[in-house]
Protein backbone atom coordinates (compact mmCIF):
# COMPACT_ATOMS: atom_id res chain seq x y z
CA MET A 1 129.19 84.90 111.52
CA ARG A 2 128.11 86.62 114.69
CA SER A 3 125.41 85.07 116.29
CA LEU A 4 122.02 87.08 117.12
CA SER A 5 121.66 88.96 120.87
CA TYR A 6 118.66 87.67 122.79
CA GLN A 7 116.91 90.72 121.96
CA GLN A 8 117.10 90.28 118.06
CA ARG A 9 116.06 86.58 118.59
CA VAL A 10 113.08 87.86 120.40
CA LYS A 11 112.10 90.58 117.83
CA LEU A 12 112.41 87.58 115.09
CA ILE A 13 110.19 85.11 116.89
CA PHE A 14 107.74 87.75 117.29
CA ALA A 15 107.86 89.21 113.54
CA ALA A 16 107.49 85.35 112.31
CA ILE A 17 104.61 84.65 115.02
CA GLY A 18 102.94 88.25 113.29
CA VAL A 19 103.68 87.18 109.56
CA PHE A 20 101.99 83.74 110.28
CA GLY A 21 99.19 85.58 112.15
CA ALA A 22 98.49 88.02 108.93
CA VAL A 23 99.18 85.36 106.51
CA PHE A 24 96.37 83.42 107.96
CA ALA A 25 93.82 86.15 108.26
CA ILE A 26 94.82 87.34 104.93
CA SER A 27 93.64 83.70 103.97
CA GLY A 28 90.94 83.74 105.65
CA LEU A 29 89.58 86.31 103.44
CA ILE A 30 90.22 84.94 100.23
CA ILE A 31 89.30 81.31 100.36
CA ALA A 32 85.79 80.47 99.45
CA LEU A 33 82.69 80.50 101.85
CA PRO A 34 81.55 77.13 102.70
CA LYS A 35 78.21 76.14 100.93
CA PRO A 36 75.12 77.13 103.31
CA ALA A 37 72.50 74.66 105.11
CA ALA A 38 69.69 76.09 102.72
CA GLY A 39 71.89 74.70 99.62
CA GLY A 40 73.19 76.36 97.02
CA THR A 41 76.53 78.62 96.98
CA CYS A 42 77.31 81.77 98.09
CA GLY A 43 78.73 83.25 95.07
CA PRO A 44 77.06 84.31 91.58
CA GLY A 45 78.44 81.56 89.80
CA ALA A 46 78.58 77.72 90.75
CA ALA A 47 81.23 78.11 93.79
CA SER A 48 80.83 80.72 96.70
CA GLU A 49 82.93 83.95 96.75
CA ALA A 50 85.45 84.95 99.05
CA PRO A 51 84.34 86.63 101.98
CA ILE A 52 85.84 89.71 101.61
CA VAL A 53 83.72 89.90 98.24
CA ALA A 54 80.53 89.42 99.79
CA VAL A 55 81.14 92.17 102.82
CA LEU A 56 81.83 94.79 100.11
CA ASP A 57 79.60 93.95 97.52
CA PRO A 58 76.59 92.32 99.45
CA VAL A 59 74.45 91.90 96.19
CA SER A 60 76.67 89.59 94.42
CA ILE A 61 75.69 86.49 96.52
CA GLY A 62 74.44 84.18 94.33
CA ALA A 63 70.72 84.12 96.06
CA GLY A 64 68.96 84.81 92.20
CA ARG A 65 66.53 87.29 91.86
CA GLU A 66 64.01 88.32 94.93
CA PRO A 67 60.66 86.29 95.08
CA ALA A 68 57.55 88.08 95.12
CA ALA A 69 56.57 89.04 98.55
CA SER A 70 52.97 87.38 97.69
CA ASP A 71 55.36 84.08 97.45
CA THR A 72 55.74 83.78 101.26
CA LYS A 73 57.81 80.59 101.43
CA GLY A 74 59.80 80.98 98.75
CA HIS A 75 60.92 84.51 100.16
CA GLU A 76 61.25 83.17 103.25
CA GLN A 77 64.02 80.96 101.89
CA TRP A 78 65.39 83.46 99.77
CA LEU A 79 65.93 85.49 103.02
CA ALA A 80 67.45 82.61 104.87
CA PHE A 81 69.71 82.00 102.18
CA VAL A 82 70.99 85.63 101.83
CA GLY A 83 71.20 86.03 105.72
CA GLU A 84 73.14 82.68 106.21
CA CYS A 85 75.80 83.66 103.32
CA GLN A 86 76.00 87.45 104.56
CA SER A 87 76.06 86.25 108.06
CA SER A 88 79.07 83.79 107.30
CA ALA A 89 80.92 86.33 105.28
CA ASP A 90 80.85 89.00 108.42
CA GLY A 91 81.98 86.64 110.95
CA THR A 92 84.80 85.31 108.80
CA VAL A 93 85.67 88.88 108.31
CA LEU A 94 85.53 89.72 111.65
CA ALA A 95 87.57 86.93 112.85
CA ALA A 96 90.45 87.77 110.11
CA LEU A 97 90.21 91.33 111.26
CA VAL A 98 90.80 90.42 115.34
CA ILE A 99 93.57 88.08 114.11
CA LEU A 100 95.25 90.55 111.80
CA LEU A 101 94.84 93.40 114.82
CA VAL A 102 96.16 90.86 117.44
CA SER A 103 99.10 89.70 115.32
CA GLY A 104 100.12 93.43 114.73
CA GLY A 105 100.15 93.99 118.48
CA LEU A 106 101.90 90.95 118.86
CA VAL A 107 104.94 92.07 116.98
CA VAL A 108 104.47 95.64 118.35
CA GLY A 109 104.20 94.99 121.69
CA GLY A 110 105.33 91.47 121.94
CA PRO A 111 109.41 92.20 122.09
CA ARG A 112 108.52 95.38 124.32
CA LEU A 113 106.69 94.03 127.08
CA LEU A 114 108.92 90.74 126.95
CA LEU A 115 112.46 92.69 126.94
CA ARG A 116 111.02 95.14 129.36
CA LYS A 117 109.96 92.21 131.48
CA ARG A 118 113.55 90.74 131.48
CA GLY A 119 115.58 93.95 131.84
CA SER A 120 113.77 94.90 135.23
CA SER A 121 114.86 91.05 136.88
């Protein structure tokens, strides 16, 4: 059985890092949002929904019906609740996207940079 060359080992290590980063990012998109400080859940049911669902379908946030504008306190609480859930979802999706892009960049660019630098030494 032949052992792996240095180039193959570098590519394999960067591929493993990239896969780990992609799995981490994707899991962040499908794990339920945390409960908001205002109480309740960020989902239509008894549990919070996944961030990707809240971003793609903002109406699905389980805040109930919007209170009448005349109910100032209730309306403010409702807006705070929806805003907190949506902000949490947006931040989570943005972080996952950045992690996914960095992971892809490492898989593609990491071995090239490392092997080019080693080749010029």
